[in-house]
N, C-alpha and C. Protein backbone atom coordinates (compact mmCIF):
# COMPACT_ATOMS: atom_id res chain seq x y z
N MET A 1 47.08 -46.19 -1.17
CA MET A 1 46.32 -45.72 -0.03
C MET A 1 46.60 -46.66 1.14
N ASN A 2 46.63 -46.06 2.30
CA ASN A 2 46.83 -46.90 3.48
C ASN A 2 45.49 -47.36 4.03
N ARG A 3 45.54 -48.24 5.00
CA ARG A 3 44.31 -48.84 5.55
C ARG A 3 43.46 -47.81 6.28
N LEU A 4 44.06 -46.82 6.87
CA LEU A 4 43.29 -45.80 7.60
C LEU A 4 42.43 -44.98 6.62
N THR A 5 42.98 -44.60 5.49
CA THR A 5 42.25 -43.83 4.49
C THR A 5 41.11 -44.66 3.91
N VAL A 6 41.36 -45.92 3.62
CA VAL A 6 40.32 -46.80 3.09
C VAL A 6 39.22 -46.99 4.12
N SER A 7 39.58 -47.14 5.38
CA SER A 7 38.58 -47.31 6.45
C SER A 7 37.70 -46.07 6.58
N ILE A 8 38.28 -44.91 6.47
CA ILE A 8 37.51 -43.65 6.58
C ILE A 8 36.56 -43.52 5.39
N ILE A 9 37.04 -43.85 4.19
CA ILE A 9 36.19 -43.77 3.00
C ILE A 9 35.02 -44.74 3.11
N ILE A 10 35.27 -45.97 3.55
CA ILE A 10 34.21 -46.97 3.70
C ILE A 10 33.21 -46.53 4.76
N LEU A 11 33.70 -45.99 5.87
CA LEU A 11 32.81 -45.51 6.94
C LEU A 11 31.95 -44.35 6.43
N PHE A 12 32.55 -43.42 5.66
CA PHE A 12 31.81 -42.30 5.10
C PHE A 12 30.73 -42.78 4.13
N LEU A 13 31.06 -43.71 3.24
CA LEU A 13 30.08 -44.24 2.30
C LEU A 13 28.95 -44.99 3.01
N LEU A 14 29.29 -45.70 4.08
CA LEU A 14 28.27 -46.41 4.86
C LEU A 14 27.29 -45.44 5.51
N VAL A 15 27.80 -44.38 6.12
CA VAL A 15 26.95 -43.36 6.74
C VAL A 15 26.12 -42.65 5.67
N LEU A 16 26.75 -42.33 4.55
CA LEU A 16 26.03 -41.68 3.46
C LEU A 16 24.91 -42.58 2.93
N GLY A 17 25.17 -43.85 2.77
CA GLY A 17 24.16 -44.79 2.30
C GLY A 17 23.00 -44.93 3.25
N ILE A 18 23.28 -44.90 4.54
CA ILE A 18 22.21 -45.04 5.54
C ILE A 18 21.32 -43.80 5.57
N TYR A 19 21.91 -42.60 5.57
CA TYR A 19 21.13 -41.37 5.74
C TYR A 19 20.68 -40.72 4.44
N LEU A 20 21.22 -41.12 3.32
CA LEU A 20 20.85 -40.52 2.05
C LEU A 20 19.37 -40.71 1.75
N GLN A 21 18.85 -41.88 2.01
CA GLN A 21 17.44 -42.14 1.72
C GLN A 21 16.53 -41.26 2.58
N SER A 22 16.85 -41.03 3.84
CA SER A 22 16.01 -40.18 4.69
C SER A 22 16.14 -38.71 4.31
N TRP A 23 17.32 -38.29 3.88
CA TRP A 23 17.49 -36.89 3.47
C TRP A 23 16.72 -36.59 2.19
N VAL A 24 16.72 -37.52 1.25
CA VAL A 24 16.02 -37.32 -0.02
C VAL A 24 14.51 -37.33 0.19
N SER A 25 14.02 -38.18 1.07
CA SER A 25 12.58 -38.31 1.26
C SER A 25 11.98 -37.20 2.10
N GLN A 26 12.80 -36.42 2.83
CA GLN A 26 12.27 -35.34 3.66
C GLN A 26 11.83 -34.19 2.77
N LYS A 27 10.66 -33.65 3.09
CA LYS A 27 10.12 -32.50 2.37
C LYS A 27 9.90 -31.38 3.37
N ALA A 28 9.61 -30.21 2.87
CA ALA A 28 9.33 -29.07 3.74
C ALA A 28 7.85 -28.73 3.63
N PRO A 29 6.95 -29.53 4.22
CA PRO A 29 5.53 -29.26 4.07
C PRO A 29 5.08 -27.99 4.79
N THR A 30 5.77 -27.60 5.84
CA THR A 30 5.34 -26.40 6.57
C THR A 30 5.52 -25.16 5.71
N ALA A 31 6.60 -25.08 4.95
CA ALA A 31 6.80 -23.90 4.11
C ALA A 31 5.74 -23.83 3.02
N VAL A 32 5.40 -24.96 2.42
CA VAL A 32 4.37 -24.98 1.38
C VAL A 32 3.02 -24.63 1.98
N GLN A 33 2.72 -25.18 3.15
CA GLN A 33 1.43 -24.87 3.78
C GLN A 33 1.35 -23.40 4.14
N GLN A 34 2.43 -22.81 4.67
CA GLN A 34 2.40 -21.40 5.02
C GLN A 34 2.24 -20.54 3.77
N THR A 35 2.88 -20.91 2.68
CA THR A 35 2.74 -20.15 1.44
C THR A 35 1.31 -20.20 0.93
N GLU A 36 0.73 -21.39 0.91
CA GLU A 36 -0.66 -21.52 0.45
C GLU A 36 -1.60 -20.78 1.39
N GLU A 37 -1.35 -20.86 2.67
CA GLU A 37 -2.20 -20.18 3.64
C GLU A 37 -2.09 -18.67 3.53
N ALA A 38 -0.90 -18.18 3.22
CA ALA A 38 -0.69 -16.73 3.11
C ALA A 38 -1.50 -16.13 1.97
N TRP A 39 -1.72 -16.89 0.89
CA TRP A 39 -2.45 -16.37 -0.26
C TRP A 39 -3.95 -16.52 -0.11
N GLN A 40 -4.41 -17.06 0.99
CA GLN A 40 -5.83 -17.14 1.27
C GLN A 40 -6.20 -15.99 2.21
N PRO A 41 -7.17 -15.17 1.87
CA PRO A 41 -7.51 -14.05 2.76
C PRO A 41 -8.06 -14.56 4.09
N ASN A 42 -7.70 -13.86 5.17
CA ASN A 42 -8.21 -14.21 6.48
C ASN A 42 -9.70 -13.90 6.58
N TYR A 43 -10.10 -12.80 5.96
CA TYR A 43 -11.53 -12.50 5.87
C TYR A 43 -11.77 -11.58 4.68
N GLN A 44 -13.01 -11.59 4.23
CA GLN A 44 -13.44 -10.77 3.10
C GLN A 44 -14.69 -10.02 3.50
N ALA A 45 -14.92 -8.89 2.85
CA ALA A 45 -16.12 -8.11 3.10
C ALA A 45 -16.58 -7.47 1.80
N ARG A 46 -17.86 -7.29 1.67
CA ARG A 46 -18.44 -6.56 0.54
C ARG A 46 -19.18 -5.36 1.10
N SER A 47 -19.15 -4.26 0.35
CA SER A 47 -19.77 -3.00 0.77
C SER A 47 -19.35 -2.66 2.20
N MET A 48 -18.04 -2.71 2.43
CA MET A 48 -17.48 -2.47 3.76
C MET A 48 -17.36 -0.98 4.04
N ARG A 49 -17.68 -0.59 5.26
CA ARG A 49 -17.54 0.79 5.72
C ARG A 49 -16.88 0.75 7.09
N SER A 50 -15.86 1.58 7.27
CA SER A 50 -15.13 1.58 8.53
C SER A 50 -14.70 3.00 8.87
N THR A 51 -14.68 3.32 10.16
CA THR A 51 -14.22 4.62 10.64
C THR A 51 -13.10 4.37 11.62
N LEU A 52 -11.97 5.05 11.45
CA LEU A 52 -10.81 4.90 12.33
C LEU A 52 -10.56 6.21 13.06
N TYR A 53 -10.16 6.09 14.33
CA TYR A 53 -9.96 7.25 15.19
C TYR A 53 -8.49 7.35 15.60
N ASP A 54 -8.04 8.58 15.89
CA ASP A 54 -6.67 8.76 16.37
C ASP A 54 -6.63 8.63 17.89
N GLU A 55 -5.47 8.89 18.50
CA GLU A 55 -5.31 8.74 19.95
C GLU A 55 -6.17 9.71 20.76
N GLN A 56 -6.50 10.87 20.17
CA GLN A 56 -7.33 11.87 20.86
C GLN A 56 -8.82 11.60 20.69
N GLY A 57 -9.18 10.58 19.97
CA GLY A 57 -10.59 10.24 19.77
C GLY A 57 -11.23 10.94 18.59
N LYS A 58 -10.45 11.67 17.79
CA LYS A 58 -10.97 12.34 16.61
C LYS A 58 -10.96 11.37 15.44
N VAL A 59 -11.88 11.57 14.51
CA VAL A 59 -11.93 10.72 13.33
C VAL A 59 -10.67 10.99 12.50
N SER A 60 -9.93 9.93 12.21
CA SER A 60 -8.71 10.04 11.40
C SER A 60 -9.04 9.85 9.92
N HIS A 61 -9.74 8.77 9.62
CA HIS A 61 -10.20 8.54 8.26
C HIS A 61 -11.33 7.52 8.24
N GLU A 62 -12.09 7.60 7.19
CA GLU A 62 -13.19 6.66 6.96
C GLU A 62 -12.92 5.99 5.63
N VAL A 63 -13.34 4.74 5.52
CA VAL A 63 -13.13 4.01 4.28
C VAL A 63 -14.39 3.24 3.92
N PHE A 64 -14.69 3.27 2.64
CA PHE A 64 -15.75 2.45 2.09
C PHE A 64 -15.14 1.73 0.89
N ALA A 65 -15.47 0.45 0.71
CA ALA A 65 -14.97 -0.30 -0.45
C ALA A 65 -16.03 -1.29 -0.90
N GLN A 66 -16.09 -1.48 -2.20
CA GLN A 66 -17.01 -2.48 -2.75
C GLN A 66 -16.64 -3.87 -2.26
N LYS A 67 -15.32 -4.15 -2.25
CA LYS A 67 -14.84 -5.46 -1.80
C LYS A 67 -13.53 -5.26 -1.06
N MET A 68 -13.32 -6.02 0.02
CA MET A 68 -12.11 -5.94 0.80
C MET A 68 -11.66 -7.35 1.15
N GLU A 69 -10.34 -7.60 1.06
CA GLU A 69 -9.75 -8.87 1.45
C GLU A 69 -8.55 -8.59 2.33
N HIS A 70 -8.52 -9.19 3.53
CA HIS A 70 -7.42 -8.97 4.47
C HIS A 70 -6.52 -10.20 4.50
N TYR A 71 -5.21 -9.99 4.32
CA TYR A 71 -4.19 -11.04 4.34
C TYR A 71 -3.26 -10.78 5.51
N GLN A 72 -3.53 -11.40 6.64
CA GLN A 72 -2.77 -11.13 7.86
C GLN A 72 -1.32 -11.58 7.76
N LEU A 73 -1.04 -12.77 7.21
CA LEU A 73 0.33 -13.25 7.11
C LEU A 73 1.18 -12.38 6.18
N LEU A 74 0.57 -11.80 5.17
CA LEU A 74 1.30 -10.95 4.23
C LEU A 74 1.34 -9.49 4.69
N GLY A 75 0.47 -9.10 5.61
CA GLY A 75 0.51 -7.76 6.19
C GLY A 75 -0.15 -6.67 5.37
N PHE A 76 -1.20 -7.03 4.62
CA PHE A 76 -1.89 -5.98 3.88
C PHE A 76 -3.35 -6.35 3.66
N THR A 77 -4.12 -5.33 3.22
CA THR A 77 -5.54 -5.47 2.90
C THR A 77 -5.75 -4.92 1.50
N LEU A 78 -6.46 -5.67 0.67
CA LEU A 78 -6.76 -5.24 -0.70
C LEU A 78 -8.17 -4.67 -0.76
N PHE A 79 -8.34 -3.60 -1.53
CA PHE A 79 -9.65 -2.98 -1.71
C PHE A 79 -9.97 -2.88 -3.19
N GLN A 80 -11.23 -3.08 -3.53
CA GLN A 80 -11.72 -2.79 -4.87
C GLN A 80 -12.66 -1.60 -4.75
N LEU A 81 -12.46 -0.61 -5.60
CA LEU A 81 -13.22 0.65 -5.60
C LEU A 81 -13.25 1.29 -4.21
N PRO A 82 -12.06 1.56 -3.63
CA PRO A 82 -12.04 2.21 -2.32
C PRO A 82 -12.40 3.68 -2.40
N GLN A 83 -13.04 4.16 -1.34
CA GLN A 83 -13.34 5.58 -1.17
C GLN A 83 -12.91 5.94 0.23
N TYR A 84 -11.91 6.80 0.33
CA TYR A 84 -11.38 7.23 1.63
C TYR A 84 -11.79 8.67 1.88
N THR A 85 -12.11 8.96 3.12
CA THR A 85 -12.25 10.34 3.57
C THR A 85 -11.17 10.53 4.62
N ILE A 86 -10.24 11.42 4.34
CA ILE A 86 -9.10 11.64 5.23
C ILE A 86 -9.29 12.98 5.91
N TYR A 87 -9.32 12.96 7.24
CA TYR A 87 -9.51 14.18 8.01
C TYR A 87 -8.14 14.72 8.43
N VAL A 88 -7.98 16.02 8.26
CA VAL A 88 -6.76 16.69 8.69
C VAL A 88 -7.03 17.38 10.01
N GLU A 89 -6.15 18.25 10.45
CA GLU A 89 -6.29 18.88 11.76
C GLU A 89 -7.63 19.58 11.94
N ARG A 90 -8.07 20.30 10.92
CA ARG A 90 -9.40 20.91 10.98
C ARG A 90 -10.39 19.88 10.46
N GLN A 91 -11.24 19.36 11.32
CA GLN A 91 -12.16 18.28 10.99
C GLN A 91 -13.18 18.67 9.93
N ASP A 92 -13.39 19.97 9.72
CA ASP A 92 -14.38 20.41 8.73
C ASP A 92 -13.78 20.51 7.32
N GLN A 93 -12.50 20.12 7.14
CA GLN A 93 -11.86 20.20 5.84
C GLN A 93 -11.26 18.85 5.43
N PRO A 94 -12.08 17.83 5.28
CA PRO A 94 -11.53 16.52 4.89
C PRO A 94 -11.21 16.47 3.40
N TRP A 95 -10.48 15.43 3.02
CA TRP A 95 -10.16 15.12 1.64
C TRP A 95 -10.85 13.81 1.30
N HIS A 96 -11.43 13.74 0.12
CA HIS A 96 -12.10 12.53 -0.34
C HIS A 96 -11.25 11.91 -1.45
N VAL A 97 -10.92 10.62 -1.29
CA VAL A 97 -10.03 9.93 -2.22
C VAL A 97 -10.78 8.73 -2.81
N VAL A 98 -10.75 8.60 -4.14
CA VAL A 98 -11.37 7.45 -4.81
C VAL A 98 -10.35 6.84 -5.78
N ALA A 99 -10.48 5.54 -5.99
CA ALA A 99 -9.61 4.82 -6.94
C ALA A 99 -10.30 3.52 -7.32
N LYS A 100 -9.72 2.82 -8.26
CA LYS A 100 -10.27 1.51 -8.63
C LYS A 100 -9.70 0.40 -7.76
N GLU A 101 -8.44 0.55 -7.31
CA GLU A 101 -7.80 -0.47 -6.48
C GLU A 101 -6.99 0.20 -5.39
N GLY A 102 -6.87 -0.50 -4.27
CA GLY A 102 -6.06 0.02 -3.18
C GLY A 102 -5.47 -1.10 -2.34
N THR A 103 -4.33 -0.82 -1.73
CA THR A 103 -3.68 -1.76 -0.83
C THR A 103 -3.30 -1.01 0.43
N LEU A 104 -3.84 -1.44 1.56
CA LEU A 104 -3.52 -0.84 2.86
C LEU A 104 -2.54 -1.76 3.57
N TYR A 105 -1.39 -1.21 3.98
CA TYR A 105 -0.36 -1.98 4.68
C TYR A 105 -0.50 -1.78 6.18
N ASP A 106 0.13 -2.67 6.94
CA ASP A 106 0.03 -2.63 8.40
C ASP A 106 0.60 -1.36 9.02
N ASP A 107 1.47 -0.65 8.30
CA ASP A 107 2.05 0.58 8.84
C ASP A 107 1.21 1.82 8.49
N ASN A 108 -0.08 1.64 8.19
CA ASN A 108 -1.02 2.73 7.87
C ASN A 108 -0.60 3.52 6.63
N ARG A 109 -0.09 2.81 5.65
CA ARG A 109 0.28 3.38 4.37
C ARG A 109 -0.62 2.71 3.34
N ILE A 110 -1.26 3.53 2.50
CA ILE A 110 -2.14 2.98 1.48
C ILE A 110 -1.61 3.37 0.11
N GLN A 111 -1.61 2.40 -0.80
CA GLN A 111 -1.25 2.65 -2.19
C GLN A 111 -2.51 2.50 -3.02
N LEU A 112 -2.85 3.55 -3.76
CA LEU A 112 -4.04 3.55 -4.60
C LEU A 112 -3.61 3.57 -6.06
N GLU A 113 -4.32 2.78 -6.87
CA GLU A 113 -3.96 2.65 -8.28
C GLU A 113 -5.18 2.77 -9.17
N THR A 114 -4.96 3.24 -10.39
CA THR A 114 -5.94 3.31 -11.47
C THR A 114 -7.03 4.34 -11.19
N ASP A 115 -6.99 5.41 -11.95
CA ASP A 115 -7.98 6.49 -11.87
C ASP A 115 -8.13 7.05 -10.46
N VAL A 116 -7.02 7.43 -9.86
CA VAL A 116 -7.03 7.98 -8.50
C VAL A 116 -7.40 9.46 -8.57
N GLU A 117 -8.36 9.87 -7.75
CA GLU A 117 -8.74 11.27 -7.64
C GLU A 117 -8.86 11.64 -6.17
N ILE A 118 -8.28 12.78 -5.83
CA ILE A 118 -8.34 13.30 -4.47
C ILE A 118 -9.04 14.65 -4.55
N HIS A 119 -10.14 14.80 -3.83
CA HIS A 119 -10.94 16.02 -3.87
C HIS A 119 -10.92 16.70 -2.51
N SER A 120 -10.71 18.01 -2.51
CA SER A 120 -10.86 18.79 -1.29
C SER A 120 -12.35 18.99 -1.06
N GLN A 121 -12.78 18.87 0.16
CA GLN A 121 -14.20 19.04 0.48
C GLN A 121 -14.53 20.48 0.87
N THR A 122 -13.57 21.39 0.66
CA THR A 122 -13.80 22.81 0.94
C THR A 122 -13.62 23.61 -0.34
N ASP A 123 -14.22 24.78 -0.39
CA ASP A 123 -14.11 25.63 -1.57
C ASP A 123 -12.98 26.64 -1.45
N ASP A 124 -12.41 26.81 -0.25
CA ASP A 124 -11.39 27.84 -0.08
C ASP A 124 -9.96 27.29 -0.09
N GLY A 125 -9.77 26.04 -0.40
CA GLY A 125 -8.44 25.45 -0.43
C GLY A 125 -7.67 25.83 -1.68
N PHE A 126 -6.34 25.82 -1.57
CA PHE A 126 -5.46 26.14 -2.70
C PHE A 126 -5.61 25.07 -3.79
N VAL A 127 -5.57 23.81 -3.40
CA VAL A 127 -5.73 22.70 -4.34
C VAL A 127 -7.12 22.13 -4.16
N ARG A 128 -7.82 21.95 -5.26
CA ARG A 128 -9.18 21.41 -5.19
C ARG A 128 -9.23 19.93 -5.55
N ARG A 129 -8.35 19.51 -6.52
CA ARG A 129 -8.40 18.12 -6.97
C ARG A 129 -7.02 17.68 -7.46
N ILE A 130 -6.68 16.43 -7.19
CA ILE A 130 -5.44 15.81 -7.66
C ILE A 130 -5.83 14.54 -8.41
N LYS A 131 -5.28 14.36 -9.62
CA LYS A 131 -5.59 13.18 -10.43
C LYS A 131 -4.29 12.50 -10.83
N THR A 132 -4.25 11.17 -10.71
CA THR A 132 -3.09 10.38 -11.11
C THR A 132 -3.49 8.92 -11.25
N ASN A 133 -2.58 8.07 -11.65
CA ASN A 133 -2.87 6.63 -11.72
C ASN A 133 -2.25 5.85 -10.59
N PHE A 134 -1.40 6.50 -9.77
CA PHE A 134 -0.81 5.85 -8.61
C PHE A 134 -0.48 6.91 -7.58
N ILE A 135 -0.79 6.61 -6.33
CA ILE A 135 -0.40 7.49 -5.24
C ILE A 135 -0.26 6.66 -3.97
N GLU A 136 0.67 7.06 -3.13
CA GLU A 136 0.87 6.42 -1.83
C GLU A 136 0.58 7.48 -0.77
N ILE A 137 -0.28 7.13 0.18
CA ILE A 137 -0.67 8.07 1.23
C ILE A 137 -0.32 7.46 2.57
N ASN A 138 0.39 8.23 3.40
CA ASN A 138 0.64 7.84 4.78
C ASN A 138 -0.52 8.40 5.59
N LEU A 139 -1.35 7.53 6.13
CA LEU A 139 -2.55 7.98 6.82
C LEU A 139 -2.26 8.58 8.18
N LEU A 140 -1.07 8.34 8.74
CA LEU A 140 -0.73 8.91 10.05
C LEU A 140 -0.34 10.38 9.94
N ASP A 141 0.57 10.70 9.00
CA ASP A 141 1.01 12.09 8.90
C ASP A 141 0.42 12.83 7.70
N LYS A 142 -0.51 12.16 6.98
CA LYS A 142 -1.27 12.76 5.87
C LYS A 142 -0.38 13.22 4.72
N THR A 143 0.70 12.49 4.45
CA THR A 143 1.59 12.83 3.35
C THR A 143 1.28 11.97 2.14
N LEU A 144 1.60 12.51 0.95
CA LEU A 144 1.33 11.85 -0.32
C LEU A 144 2.62 11.71 -1.10
N TYR A 145 2.67 10.70 -1.97
CA TYR A 145 3.80 10.55 -2.87
C TYR A 145 3.33 9.83 -4.12
N SER A 146 3.80 10.29 -5.27
CA SER A 146 3.54 9.61 -6.53
C SER A 146 4.73 9.82 -7.45
N ASP A 147 5.09 8.77 -8.18
CA ASP A 147 6.14 8.89 -9.18
C ASP A 147 5.54 8.80 -10.59
N GLN A 148 4.23 8.90 -10.69
CA GLN A 148 3.51 8.82 -11.95
C GLN A 148 3.06 10.23 -12.37
N PRO A 149 2.66 10.42 -13.64
CA PRO A 149 2.12 11.72 -14.06
C PRO A 149 0.93 12.10 -13.18
N VAL A 150 0.90 13.37 -12.81
CA VAL A 150 -0.13 13.86 -11.90
C VAL A 150 -0.65 15.21 -12.42
N GLU A 151 -1.94 15.44 -12.18
CA GLU A 151 -2.57 16.71 -12.53
C GLU A 151 -3.15 17.29 -11.26
N ILE A 152 -2.73 18.51 -10.92
CA ILE A 152 -3.22 19.20 -9.73
C ILE A 152 -4.03 20.39 -10.19
N ILE A 153 -5.28 20.43 -9.73
CA ILE A 153 -6.22 21.44 -10.20
C ILE A 153 -6.62 22.33 -9.03
N GLY A 154 -6.48 23.62 -9.24
CA GLY A 154 -6.90 24.61 -8.25
C GLY A 154 -7.98 25.50 -8.84
N ARG A 155 -8.30 26.58 -8.17
CA ARG A 155 -9.35 27.47 -8.63
C ARG A 155 -9.01 28.10 -9.98
N ASP A 156 -7.79 28.60 -10.14
CA ASP A 156 -7.42 29.31 -11.36
C ASP A 156 -6.24 28.68 -12.09
N PHE A 157 -5.88 27.46 -11.77
CA PHE A 157 -4.69 26.88 -12.38
C PHE A 157 -4.83 25.36 -12.52
N VAL A 158 -3.98 24.82 -13.40
CA VAL A 158 -3.82 23.38 -13.58
C VAL A 158 -2.32 23.13 -13.71
N ILE A 159 -1.79 22.25 -12.87
CA ILE A 159 -0.37 21.91 -12.89
C ILE A 159 -0.22 20.46 -13.31
N ASN A 160 0.63 20.20 -14.27
CA ASN A 160 0.97 18.83 -14.69
C ASN A 160 2.42 18.57 -14.31
N ALA A 161 2.66 17.39 -13.74
CA ALA A 161 4.02 17.01 -13.34
C ALA A 161 4.17 15.50 -13.45
N ASN A 162 5.41 15.06 -13.51
CA ASN A 162 5.70 13.63 -13.50
C ASN A 162 6.16 13.28 -12.09
N GLY A 163 5.20 13.15 -11.20
CA GLY A 163 5.49 12.80 -9.81
C GLY A 163 5.49 14.01 -8.91
N PHE A 164 5.15 13.78 -7.64
CA PHE A 164 5.15 14.84 -6.64
C PHE A 164 5.09 14.23 -5.26
N SER A 165 5.34 15.06 -4.27
CA SER A 165 5.11 14.68 -2.88
C SER A 165 4.37 15.85 -2.25
N GLY A 166 3.61 15.57 -1.22
CA GLY A 166 2.82 16.63 -0.62
C GLY A 166 2.31 16.26 0.76
N ASN A 167 1.68 17.24 1.39
CA ASN A 167 1.11 17.08 2.71
C ASN A 167 -0.30 17.66 2.69
N LEU A 168 -1.30 16.83 2.97
CA LEU A 168 -2.68 17.30 2.94
C LEU A 168 -2.99 18.27 4.08
N ALA A 169 -2.34 18.12 5.22
CA ALA A 169 -2.61 18.98 6.36
C ALA A 169 -2.09 20.40 6.12
N THR A 170 -0.87 20.52 5.62
CA THR A 170 -0.28 21.84 5.40
C THR A 170 -0.50 22.36 3.99
N GLN A 171 -0.98 21.52 3.10
CA GLN A 171 -1.19 21.83 1.69
C GLN A 171 0.09 22.35 1.04
N THR A 172 1.19 21.66 1.30
CA THR A 172 2.45 21.95 0.63
C THR A 172 2.74 20.81 -0.32
N TYR A 173 3.24 21.16 -1.51
CA TYR A 173 3.48 20.18 -2.56
C TYR A 173 4.82 20.46 -3.21
N GLU A 174 5.52 19.39 -3.59
CA GLU A 174 6.80 19.50 -4.28
C GLU A 174 6.75 18.59 -5.49
N PHE A 175 7.08 19.15 -6.64
CA PHE A 175 7.01 18.41 -7.88
C PHE A 175 8.36 17.76 -8.18
N ILE A 176 8.33 16.51 -8.60
CA ILE A 176 9.56 15.81 -8.97
C ILE A 176 10.04 16.30 -10.33
N ASP A 177 9.15 16.33 -11.28
CA ASP A 177 9.49 16.79 -12.63
C ASP A 177 8.31 17.60 -13.14
N HIS A 178 8.40 18.93 -12.95
CA HIS A 178 7.32 19.83 -13.38
C HIS A 178 7.26 19.86 -14.90
N VAL A 179 6.06 19.70 -15.45
CA VAL A 179 5.89 19.67 -16.89
C VAL A 179 5.27 20.97 -17.40
N GLN A 180 4.13 21.37 -16.80
CA GLN A 180 3.43 22.53 -17.31
C GLN A 180 2.49 23.08 -16.24
N THR A 181 2.33 24.41 -16.25
CA THR A 181 1.34 25.06 -15.40
C THR A 181 0.53 25.99 -16.28
N ARG A 182 -0.78 25.86 -16.18
CA ARG A 182 -1.69 26.76 -16.90
C ARG A 182 -2.41 27.60 -15.83
N TYR A 183 -2.29 28.91 -15.97
CA TYR A 183 -2.92 29.82 -15.03
C TYR A 183 -3.94 30.67 -15.79
N ALA A 184 -5.18 30.66 -15.35
CA ALA A 184 -6.23 31.42 -16.01
C ALA A 184 -7.14 32.02 -14.95
N PRO A 185 -6.79 33.24 -14.46
CA PRO A 185 -7.61 33.85 -13.42
C PRO A 185 -8.99 34.24 -13.97
N ASN A 186 -9.99 34.13 -13.12
CA ASN A 186 -11.35 34.49 -13.52
C ASN A 186 -11.56 35.97 -13.44
């Protein structure tokens, strides 16, 4: 080796020796603090009731929950035993939704889990009740989606499927995997 190569190696080792101790001792406390802070709810509520309105001032949906926790950094709100009333274009025909757990995201999408039931509040609707263990509802356009087994109950029929998508306003439904339909007119 020539003297230039040895000088460069010695200079590199000297710089490495000086800065190695500071590089090893540096930690990322901000990332840990943000992570811990994110898992702490910004606020909590018990027996919470809320009414939300659309741009025209009409009631869009109402929510009641036994317990609610809002996580602003994570962008969602958790509900225990949520009860939603979702209003469609005709305000006199709302849908009532109950579940054991729910998660509302910042984009007005709610995912409901465990014993989910959706009831029509009118007697003249095609579908009267929807039952499943998971459903995702877009509260802005009133659309539904589930990839879990679902039971749709009407006046004279019961439809079982493994997943579906639908629209509460237009009452149109599409089954992912239709299993069975029982029709029994009165």
